[in-house]
């Protein structure tokens, strides 16, 4: 696409440069015109750089469009392979959003302190709004050792889910919305977020230290290792794999592909 832009711009330049390109060349064949352009560039190689500099923003936009197209093609090819490789995840006892019988399940392996996970959480909100009863969302934990307060935030969320699923999601929303406060303040912020969600703070303090909470997080992390998760966020859209915080349109492409596969499987 970048080459096409360059040729188009240079063609305009060549047509305008009447002293260089003779008038009969305007009626010549495409091959003759290409030859004239090649000669023009050989004699004036600085022209192409000047054209690109003068249109740098347009060049960058087209290059980005080309990159996006290649990325989408690569993802679709990967997802076609993913569909042949079923993945297993334990969803028992995990808070969910969306109907339990939704044809598409999105599972996130995430870290509350990760800025990309925060961004992806916003994308999930939009997906749930767009697809309504077609998608359910499950949040699982992969707290990274390099992030302060990551494990503690995961413990609070799992313990919150043991009390009340809706309150756990309210806690989730507050923590991601104010991720910077989590990173800066740690447990005092988590306690405040839990209280605002309406959780029983006495029970929460006990549950956080329980074996059930520890085992739940360890199970999520073991699943992530089995899936070869290298970083957060990481998503399963049914069996389709998404690594990182993709734009909404690419997440939607994955959901659409998963919906199509689910519909075929029901026939």
C-alpha atoms as a PDB file:
ATOM      1  CA  UNK A   1       0.000   0.000   0.000  1.00  0.00           C
ATOM      2  CA  UNK A   2       2.895   2.318   0.777  1.00  0.00           C
ATOM      3  CA  UNK A   3       4.380   1.552  -2.649  1.00  0.00           C
ATOM      4  CA  UNK A   4       1.034   2.379  -4.267  1.00  0.00           C
ATOM      5  CA  UNK A   5       0.931   5.732  -2.502  1.00  0.00           C
ATOM      6  CA  UNK A   6       4.471   6.526  -3.570  1.00  0.00           C
ATOM      7  CA  UNK A   7       3.744   5.696  -7.228  1.00  0.00           C
ATOM      8  CA  UNK A   8       0.557   7.765  -7.201  1.00  0.00           C
ATOM      9  CA  UNK A   9       2.304  10.756  -5.699  1.00  0.00           C
ATOM     10  CA  UNK A  10       5.245  10.447  -8.046  1.00  0.00           C
ATOM     11  CA  UNK A  11       2.902  10.094 -11.017  1.00  0.00           C
ATOM     12  CA  UNK A  12       1.275  13.379 -10.091  1.00  0.00           C
ATOM     13  CA  UNK A  13       4.723  14.896  -9.742  1.00  0.00           C
ATOM     14  CA  UNK A  14       5.808  13.511 -13.107  1.00  0.00           C
ATOM     15  CA  UNK A  15       2.744  14.805 -14.900  1.00  0.00           C
ATOM     16  CA  UNK A  16       3.285  18.217 -13.376  1.00  0.00           C
ATOM     17  CA  UNK A  17       6.945  18.273 -14.398  1.00  0.00           C
ATOM     18  CA  UNK A  18       6.321  18.975 -18.081  1.00  0.00           C
ATOM     19  CA  UNK A  19       9.935  20.023 -18.881  1.00  0.00           C
ATOM     20  CA  UNK A  20      11.149  16.588 -17.765  1.00  0.00           C
ATOM     21  CA  UNK A  21       8.400  14.378 -19.243  1.00  0.00           C
ATOM     22  CA  UNK A  22       7.641  15.173 -22.900  1.00  0.00           C
ATOM     23  CA  UNK A  23       4.051  15.858 -23.884  1.00  0.00           C
ATOM     24  CA  UNK A  24       3.699  12.698 -26.055  1.00  0.00           C
ATOM     25  CA  UNK A  25       4.407  10.604 -22.932  1.00  0.00           C
ATOM     26  CA  UNK A  26       1.035  11.670 -21.522  1.00  0.00           C
ATOM     27  CA  UNK A  27      -0.647   9.474 -24.119  1.00  0.00           C
ATOM     28  CA  UNK A  28       1.812   6.601 -23.835  1.00  0.00           C
ATOM     29  CA  UNK A  29       1.050   3.161 -22.516  1.00  0.00           C
ATOM     30  CA  UNK A  30       1.343   2.254 -18.849  1.00  0.00           C
ATOM     31  CA  UNK A  31       4.699   0.611 -19.469  1.00  0.00           C
ATOM     32  CA  UNK A  32       6.061   3.715 -21.126  1.00  0.00           C
ATOM     33  CA  UNK A  33       4.786   5.832 -18.252  1.00  0.00           C
ATOM     34  CA  UNK A  34       6.438   3.515 -15.741  1.00  0.00           C
ATOM     35  CA  UNK A  35       9.669   3.767 -17.688  1.00  0.00           C
ATOM     36  CA  UNK A  36       9.440   7.539 -17.646  1.00  0.00           C
ATOM     37  CA  UNK A  37       8.902   7.502 -13.899  1.00  0.00           C
ATOM     38  CA  UNK A  38      11.878   5.207 -13.404  1.00  0.00           C
ATOM     39  CA  UNK A  39      14.045   7.532 -15.438  1.00  0.00           C
ATOM     40  CA  UNK A  40      12.759  10.500 -13.438  1.00  0.00           C
ATOM     41  CA  UNK A  41      13.653   8.818 -10.165  1.00  0.00           C
ATOM     42  CA  UNK A  42      17.058   7.716 -11.361  1.00  0.00           C
ATOM     43  CA  UNK A  43      17.883  11.267 -12.326  1.00  0.00           C
ATOM     44  CA  UNK A  44      16.266  12.763  -9.197  1.00  0.00           C
ATOM     45  CA  UNK A  45      16.391  10.135  -6.386  1.00  0.00           C
ATOM     46  CA  UNK A  46      15.715  12.781  -3.763  1.00  0.00           C
ATOM     47  CA  UNK A  47      12.168  13.239  -5.105  1.00  0.00           C
ATOM     48  CA  UNK A  48      10.746  10.120  -3.482  1.00  0.00           C
ATOM     49  CA  UNK A  49      12.040  11.116  -0.054  1.00  0.00           C
ATOM     50  CA  UNK A  50      10.640  14.601  -0.497  1.00  0.00           C
ATOM     51  CA  UNK A  51       7.244  13.226  -1.489  1.00  0.00           C
ATOM     52  CA  UNK A  52       7.216  10.937   1.547  1.00  0.00           C
ATOM     53  CA  UNK A  53       8.291  13.741   3.880  1.00  0.00           C
ATOM     54  CA  UNK A  54       5.610  16.061   2.536  1.00  0.00           C
ATOM     55  CA  UNK A  55       2.966  13.364   3.104  1.00  0.00           C
ATOM     56  CA  UNK A  56       4.363  11.725   6.235  1.00  0.00           C
ATOM     57  CA  UNK A  57       1.073  11.593   8.132  1.00  0.00           C
ATOM     58  CA  UNK A  58      -0.725   9.931   5.234  1.00  0.00           C
ATOM     59  CA  UNK A  59       2.138   7.482   4.796  1.00  0.00           C
ATOM     60  CA  UNK A  60       2.000   6.521   8.478  1.00  0.00           C
ATOM     61  CA  UNK A  61      -1.783   6.074   8.380  1.00  0.00           C
ATOM     62  CA  UNK A  62      -1.567   3.766   5.364  1.00  0.00           C
ATOM     63  CA  UNK A  63       1.321   1.823   6.888  1.00  0.00           C
ATOM     64  CA  UNK A  64      -0.711   1.359  10.079  1.00  0.00           C
ATOM     65  CA  UNK A  65      -3.714   0.182   8.073  1.00  0.00           C
ATOM     66  CA  UNK A  66      -1.520  -2.346   6.319  1.00  0.00           C
ATOM     67  CA  UNK A  67      -0.115  -3.525   9.633  1.00  0.00           C
ATOM     68  CA  UNK A  68      -3.621  -3.944  11.050  1.00  0.00           C
ATOM     69  CA  UNK A  69      -4.721  -5.988   8.046  1.00  0.00           C
ATOM     70  CA  UNK A  70      -1.709  -8.298   8.391  1.00  0.00           C
ATOM     71  CA  UNK A  71      -2.318  -8.637  12.123  1.00  0.00           C
ATOM     72  CA  UNK A  72      -5.960  -9.565  11.603  1.00  0.00           C
ATOM     73  CA  UNK A  73      -5.079 -12.157   8.962  1.00  0.00           C
ATOM     74  CA  UNK A  74      -2.476 -13.682  11.285  1.00  0.00           C
ATOM     75  CA  UNK A  75      -4.947 -13.812  14.178  1.00  0.00           C
ATOM     76  CA  UNK A  76      -7.670 -15.429  12.079  1.00  0.00           C
ATOM     77  CA  UNK A  77      -5.189 -18.056  10.881  1.00  0.00           C
ATOM     78  CA  UNK A  78      -4.164 -18.710  14.488  1.00  0.00           C
ATOM     79  CA  UNK A  79      -7.802 -18.921  15.641  1.00  0.00           C
ATOM     80  CA  UNK A  80      -8.603 -21.451  12.927  1.00  0.00           C
ATOM     81  CA  UNK A  81      -5.910 -23.673  14.435  1.00  0.00           C
ATOM     82  CA  UNK A  82      -7.110 -22.910  17.983  1.00  0.00           C
ATOM     83  CA  UNK A  83     -10.564 -24.232  17.117  1.00  0.00           C
ATOM     84  CA  UNK A  84      -9.052 -27.685  16.590  1.00  0.00           C
ATOM     85  CA  UNK A  85      -7.330 -27.620  19.998  1.00  0.00           C
ATOM     86  CA  UNK A  86      -9.866 -27.656  22.887  1.00  0.00           C
ATOM     87  CA  UNK A  87      -8.745 -25.965  26.121  1.00  0.00           C
ATOM     88  CA  UNK A  88      -9.809 -26.904  29.630  1.00  0.00           C
ATOM     89  CA  UNK A  89     -10.461 -24.498  32.485  1.00  0.00           C
ATOM     90  CA  UNK A  90     -12.172 -25.003  35.810  1.00  0.00           C
ATOM     91  CA  UNK A  91     -14.985 -22.481  36.229  1.00  0.00           C
ATOM     92  CA  UNK A  92     -16.478 -23.941  39.388  1.00  0.00           C
ATOM     93  CA  UNK A  93     -16.983 -21.323  42.064  1.00  0.00           C
ATOM     94  CA  UNK A  94     -15.726 -18.481  39.851  1.00  0.00           C
ATOM     95  CA  UNK A  95     -17.900 -15.338  39.646  1.00  0.00           C
ATOM     96  CA  UNK A  96     -19.321 -14.901  36.147  1.00  0.00           C
ATOM     97  CA  UNK A  97     -20.963 -12.135  34.203  1.00  0.00           C
ATOM     98  CA  UNK A  98     -23.515 -13.013  31.562  1.00  0.00           C
ATOM     99  CA  UNK A  99     -25.788 -16.054  31.335  1.00  0.00           C
ATOM    100  CA  UNK A 100     -24.375 -19.450  32.307  1.00  0.00           C
ATOM    101  CA  UNK A 101     -25.701 -20.967  29.053  1.00  0.00           C
ATOM    102  CA  UNK A 102     -24.141 -18.345  26.747  1.00  0.00           C
ATOM    103  CA  UNK A 103     -22.642 -19.939  23.612  1.00  0.00           C
ATOM    104  CA  UNK A 104     -19.349 -18.074  24.091  1.00  0.00           C
ATOM    105  CA  UNK A 105     -17.309 -18.028  27.294  1.00  0.00           C
ATOM    106  CA  UNK A 106     -14.486 -15.515  27.644  1.00  0.00           C
ATOM    107  CA  UNK A 107     -11.934 -16.429  30.303  1.00  0.00           C
ATOM    108  CA  UNK A 108      -9.363 -13.853  31.359  1.00  0.00           C
ATOM    109  CA  UNK A 109      -6.088 -14.694  33.081  1.00  0.00           C
ATOM    110  CA  UNK A 110      -5.241 -11.339  34.509  1.00  0.00           C
ATOM    111  CA  UNK A 111      -3.434  -9.188  37.058  1.00  0.00           C
ATOM    112  CA  UNK A 112      -5.130  -6.286  38.845  1.00  0.00           C
ATOM    113  CA  UNK A 113      -1.906  -4.242  38.848  1.00  0.00           C
ATOM    114  CA  UNK A 114      -1.284  -4.587  35.092  1.00  0.00           C
ATOM    115  CA  UNK A 115      -2.155  -1.500  32.987  1.00  0.00           C
ATOM    116  CA  UNK A 116      -2.888  -3.644  29.926  1.00  0.00           C
ATOM    117  CA  UNK A 117      -5.271  -5.764  32.006  1.00  0.00           C
ATOM    118  CA  UNK A 118      -6.985  -2.570  33.090  1.00  0.00           C
ATOM    119  CA  UNK A 119      -7.393  -1.572  29.450  1.00  0.00           C
ATOM    120  CA  UNK A 120      -8.711  -5.017  28.531  1.00  0.00           C
ATOM    121  CA  UNK A 121     -11.236  -4.875  31.383  1.00  0.00           C
ATOM    122  CA  UNK A 122     -12.776  -1.834  29.693  1.00  0.00           C
ATOM    123  CA  UNK A 123     -12.945  -3.760  26.420  1.00  0.00           C
ATOM    124  CA  UNK A 124     -14.742  -6.598  28.212  1.00  0.00           C
ATOM    125  CA  UNK A 125     -17.404  -4.178  29.415  1.00  0.00           C
ATOM    126  CA  UNK A 126     -18.066  -3.110  25.830  1.00  0.00           C
ATOM    127  CA  UNK A 127     -18.169  -6.710  24.590  1.00  0.00           C
ATOM    128  CA  UNK A 128     -20.673  -7.712  27.258  1.00  0.00           C
ATOM    129  CA  UNK A 129     -22.844  -4.740  26.331  1.00  0.00           C
ATOM    130  CA  UNK A 130     -22.623  -5.507  22.610  1.00  0.00           C
ATOM    131  CA  UNK A 131     -23.245  -9.252  22.777  1.00  0.00           C
ATOM    132  CA  UNK A 132     -25.547  -9.386  25.818  1.00  0.00           C
ATOM    133  CA  UNK A 133     -26.838 -12.967  26.330  1.00  0.00           C
ATOM    134  CA  UNK A 134     -24.385 -14.446  23.812  1.00  0.00           C
ATOM    135  CA  UNK A 135     -21.301 -14.073  26.007  1.00  0.00           C
ATOM    136  CA  UNK A 136     -20.351 -14.845  29.589  1.00  0.00           C
ATOM    137  CA  UNK A 137     -17.152 -13.556  31.164  1.00  0.00           C
ATOM    138  CA  UNK A 138     -15.011 -15.283  33.788  1.00  0.00           C
ATOM    139  CA  UNK A 139     -12.086 -13.586  35.500  1.00  0.00           C
ATOM    140  CA  UNK A 140      -9.191 -15.766  36.647  1.00  0.00           C
ATOM    141  CA  UNK A 141      -5.972 -14.782  38.356  1.00  0.00           C
ATOM    142  CA  UNK A 142      -2.378 -14.703  37.232  1.00  0.00           C
ATOM    143  CA  UNK A 143      -0.734 -12.267  39.658  1.00  0.00           C
ATOM    144  CA  UNK A 144       2.827 -11.554  38.585  1.00  0.00           C
ATOM    145  CA  UNK A 145       5.610 -11.599  41.163  1.00  0.00           C
ATOM    146  CA  UNK A 146       7.078  -8.442  39.676  1.00  0.00           C
ATOM    147  CA  UNK A 147       3.982  -6.407  40.552  1.00  0.00           C
ATOM    148  CA  UNK A 148       3.566  -5.230  44.124  1.00  0.00           C
ATOM    149  CA  UNK A 149       0.131  -5.982  45.617  1.00  0.00           C
ATOM    150  CA  UNK A 150      -0.870  -8.222  42.684  1.00  0.00           C
ATOM    151  CA  UNK A 151      -1.223 -11.400  44.750  1.00  0.00           C
ATOM    152  CA  UNK A 152      -2.958  -9.564  47.592  1.00  0.00           C
ATOM    153  CA  UNK A 153      -5.521  -8.060  45.195  1.00  0.00           C
ATOM    154  CA  UNK A 154      -6.196 -11.524  43.773  1.00  0.00           C
ATOM    155  CA  UNK A 155      -6.755 -12.889  47.285  1.00  0.00           C
ATOM    156  CA  UNK A 156      -9.225 -10.120  48.070  1.00  0.00           C
ATOM    157  CA  UNK A 157     -11.154 -10.777  44.860  1.00  0.00           C
ATOM    158  CA  UNK A 158     -11.372 -14.540  45.358  1.00  0.00           C
ATOM    159  CA  UNK A 159     -12.466 -14.046  48.969  1.00  0.00           C
ATOM    160  CA  UNK A 160     -15.055 -11.529  47.792  1.00  0.00           C
ATOM    161  CA  UNK A 161     -16.407 -14.092  45.332  1.00  0.00           C
ATOM    162  CA  UNK A 162     -16.839 -16.580  48.168  1.00  0.00           C
ATOM    163  CA  UNK A 163     -19.228 -14.102  49.790  1.00  0.00           C
ATOM    164  CA  UNK A 164     -21.220 -12.678  46.908  1.00  0.00           C
ATOM    165  CA  UNK A 165     -20.665 -12.786  43.161  1.00  0.00           C
ATOM    166  CA  UNK A 166     -22.207  -9.403  42.422  1.00  0.00           C
ATOM    167  CA  UNK A 167     -20.208  -7.726  45.184  1.00  0.00           C
ATOM    168  CA  UNK A 168     -17.065  -9.399  43.847  1.00  0.00           C
ATOM    169  CA  UNK A 169     -17.708  -7.797  40.457  1.00  0.00           C
ATOM    170  CA  UNK A 170     -18.309  -4.420  42.104  1.00  0.00           C
ATOM    171  CA  UNK A 171     -14.943  -4.845  43.836  1.00  0.00           C
ATOM    172  CA  UNK A 172     -13.353  -5.844  40.495  1.00  0.00           C
ATOM    173  CA  UNK A 173     -14.687  -2.705  38.811  1.00  0.00           C
ATOM    174  CA  UNK A 174     -13.398  -0.408  41.554  1.00  0.00           C
ATOM    175  CA  UNK A 175      -9.943  -1.965  41.630  1.00  0.00           C
ATOM    176  CA  UNK A 176      -9.465  -1.765  37.862  1.00  0.00           C
ATOM    177  CA  UNK A 177     -10.915   1.732  37.672  1.00  0.00           C
ATOM    178  CA  UNK A 178      -8.462   2.950  40.320  1.00  0.00           C
ATOM    179  CA  UNK A 179      -5.555   0.639  39.494  1.00  0.00           C
ATOM    180  CA  UNK A 180      -3.064   3.421  40.167  1.00  0.00           C
ATOM    181  CA  UNK A 181      -4.333   3.654  43.756  1.00  0.00           C
ATOM    182  CA  UNK A 182      -3.891  -0.088  44.182  1.00  0.00           C
ATOM    183  CA  UNK A 183      -0.287   0.185  43.029  1.00  0.00           C
ATOM    184  CA  UNK A 184       0.395   3.213  45.239  1.00  0.00           C
ATOM    185  CA  UNK A 185      -1.569   2.343  48.382  1.00  0.00           C
ATOM    186  CA  UNK A 186      -1.811  -1.436  48.507  1.00  0.00           C
ATOM    187  CA  UNK A 187      -3.992  -3.060  51.148  1.00  0.00           C
ATOM    188  CA  UNK A 188      -5.563   0.127  52.570  1.00  0.00           C
ATOM    189  CA  UNK A 189      -7.029   0.757  49.116  1.00  0.00           C
ATOM    190  CA  UNK A 190      -8.223  -2.861  48.828  1.00  0.00           C
ATOM    191  CA  UNK A 191      -9.992  -2.639  52.171  1.00  0.00           C
ATOM    192  CA  UNK A 192     -11.709   0.561  51.098  1.00  0.00           C
ATOM    193  CA  UNK A 193     -12.782  -0.954  47.769  1.00  0.00           C
ATOM    194  CA  UNK A 194     -14.134  -4.031  49.555  1.00  0.00           C
ATOM    195  CA  UNK A 195     -16.103  -1.923  52.014  1.00  0.00           C
ATOM    196  CA  UNK A 196     -17.560   0.158  49.181  1.00  0.00           C
ATOM    197  CA  UNK A 197     -18.665  -3.067  47.478  1.00  0.00           C
ATOM    198  CA  UNK A 198     -20.652  -3.941  50.603  1.00  0.00           C
ATOM    199  CA  UNK A 199     -18.613  -6.968  51.646  1.00  0.00           C
ATOM    200  CA  UNK A 200     -18.544  -8.341  55.184  1.00  0.00           C
ATOM    201  CA  UNK A 201     -15.099  -7.105  56.202  1.00  0.00           C
ATOM    202  CA  UNK A 202     -14.712  -9.434  59.187  1.00  0.00           C
ATOM    203  CA  UNK A 203     -15.451 -12.508  57.105  1.00  0.00           C
ATOM    204  CA  UNK A 204     -13.291 -11.172  54.266  1.00  0.00           C
ATOM    205  CA  UNK A 205     -10.274 -10.842  56.581  1.00  0.00           C
ATOM    206  CA  UNK A 206     -10.673 -14.497  57.562  1.00  0.00           C
ATOM    207  CA  UNK A 207     -11.306 -15.829  54.056  1.00  0.00           C
ATOM    208  CA  UNK A 208      -8.289 -14.050  52.561  1.00  0.00           C
ATOM    209  CA  UNK A 209      -6.010 -16.253  54.672  1.00  0.00           C
ATOM    210  CA  UNK A 210      -7.902 -19.458  53.924  1.00  0.00           C
ATOM    211  CA  UNK A 211      -6.587 -22.471  52.049  1.00  0.00           C
ATOM    212  CA  UNK A 212      -9.558 -22.242  49.659  1.00  0.00           C
ATOM    213  CA  UNK A 213      -8.465 -18.807  48.454  1.00  0.00           C
ATOM    214  CA  UNK A 214      -4.849 -19.895  48.082  1.00  0.00           C
ATOM    215  CA  UNK A 215      -5.829 -23.074  46.219  1.00  0.00           C
ATOM    216  CA  UNK A 216      -8.105 -21.148  43.843  1.00  0.00           C
ATOM    217  CA  UNK A 217      -5.322 -18.771  42.831  1.00  0.00           C
ATOM    218  CA  UNK A 218      -2.789 -21.576  42.539  1.00  0.00           C
ATOM    219  CA  UNK A 219      -5.184 -23.494  40.296  1.00  0.00           C
ATOM    220  CA  UNK A 220      -5.646 -20.465  38.025  1.00  0.00           C
ATOM    221  CA  UNK A 221      -1.881 -20.023  37.779  1.00  0.00           C
ATOM    222  CA  UNK A 222      -1.350 -23.728  37.056  1.00  0.00           C
ATOM    223  CA  UNK A 223      -3.921 -23.500  34.241  1.00  0.00           C
ATOM    224  CA  UNK A 224      -2.106 -20.468  32.875  1.00  0.00           C
ATOM    225  CA  UNK A 225       1.196 -22.343  32.874  1.00  0.00           C
ATOM    226  CA  UNK A 226      -0.443 -25.296  31.107  1.00  0.00           C
ATOM    227  CA  UNK A 227      -1.683 -22.882  28.452  1.00  0.00           C
ATOM    228  CA  UNK A 228       1.839 -21.452  28.133  1.00  0.00           C
ATOM    229  CA  UNK A 229       0.711 -18.004  29.225  1.00  0.00           C
ATOM    230  CA  UNK A 230       3.752 -15.732  29.122  1.00  0.00           C
ATOM    231  CA  UNK A 231       2.160 -12.494  30.299  1.00  0.00           C
ATOM    232  CA  UNK A 232      -1.068 -10.742  31.135  1.00  0.00           C
ATOM    233  CA  UNK A 233      -3.729 -10.300  30.002  1.00  0.00           C
ATOM    234  CA  UNK A 234      -4.424 -13.613  28.277  1.00  0.00           C
ATOM    235  CA  UNK A 235      -7.885 -14.652  27.078  1.00  0.00           C
ATOM    236  CA  UNK A 236      -9.723 -17.711  25.905  1.00  0.00           C
ATOM    237  CA  UNK A 237     -12.747 -16.992  23.725  1.00  0.00           C
ATOM    238  CA  UNK A 238     -14.121 -20.516  23.857  1.00  0.00           C
ATOM    239  CA  UNK A 239     -10.984 -22.152  22.422  1.00  0.00           C
ATOM    240  CA  UNK A 240      -9.593 -19.092  20.631  1.00  0.00           C
ATOM    241  CA  UNK A 241      -6.499 -17.556  22.198  1.00  0.00           C
ATOM    242  CA  UNK A 242      -5.993 -13.804  22.581  1.00  0.00           C
ATOM    243  CA  UNK A 243      -2.727 -12.530  23.986  1.00  0.00           C
ATOM    244  CA  UNK A 244      -2.658  -8.972  25.266  1.00  0.00           C
ATOM    245  CA  UNK A 245      -5.155  -6.138  25.175  1.00  0.00           C
ATOM    246  CA  UNK A 246      -6.467  -6.181  21.608  1.00  0.00           C
ATOM    247  CA  UNK A 247      -8.752  -3.468  20.202  1.00  0.00           C
ATOM    248  CA  UNK A 248     -12.495  -4.032  20.476  1.00  0.00           C
ATOM    249  CA  UNK A 249     -12.883  -4.861  16.780  1.00  0.00           C
ATOM    250  CA  UNK A 250     -10.423  -7.773  16.983  1.00  0.00           C
ATOM    251  CA  UNK A 251     -12.033  -9.110  20.157  1.00  0.00           C
ATOM    252  CA  UNK A 252     -15.358  -8.893  18.321  1.00  0.00           C
ATOM    253  CA  UNK A 253     -13.898 -10.857  15.405  1.00  0.00           C
ATOM    254  CA  UNK A 254     -12.912 -13.611  17.843  1.00  0.00           C
ATOM    255  CA  UNK A 255     -16.356 -13.655  19.450  1.00  0.00           C
ATOM    256  CA  UNK A 256     -18.031 -13.792  16.016  1.00  0.00           C
ATOM    257  CA  UNK A 257     -15.821 -16.707  14.977  1.00  0.00           C
ATOM    258  CA  UNK A 258     -16.546 -18.526  18.234  1.00  0.00           C
ATOM    259  CA  UNK A 259     -20.283 -17.924  17.814  1.00  0.00           C
ATOM    260  CA  UNK A 260     -20.170 -19.306  14.279  1.00  0.00           C
ATOM    261  CA  UNK A 261     -18.304 -22.412  15.461  1.00  0.00           C
ATOM    262  CA  UNK A 262     -20.756 -22.906  18.340  1.00  0.00           C
ATOM    263  CA  UNK A 263     -23.713 -22.633  15.952  1.00  0.00           C
ATOM    264  CA  UNK A 264     -22.200 -25.244  13.624  1.00  0.00           C
ATOM    265  CA  UNK A 265     -21.550 -27.573  16.559  1.00  0.00           C
ATOM    266  CA  UNK A 266     -25.211 -27.431  17.582  1.00  0.00           C
ATOM    267  CA  UNK A 267     -26.417 -28.530  14.140  1.00  0.00           C
END
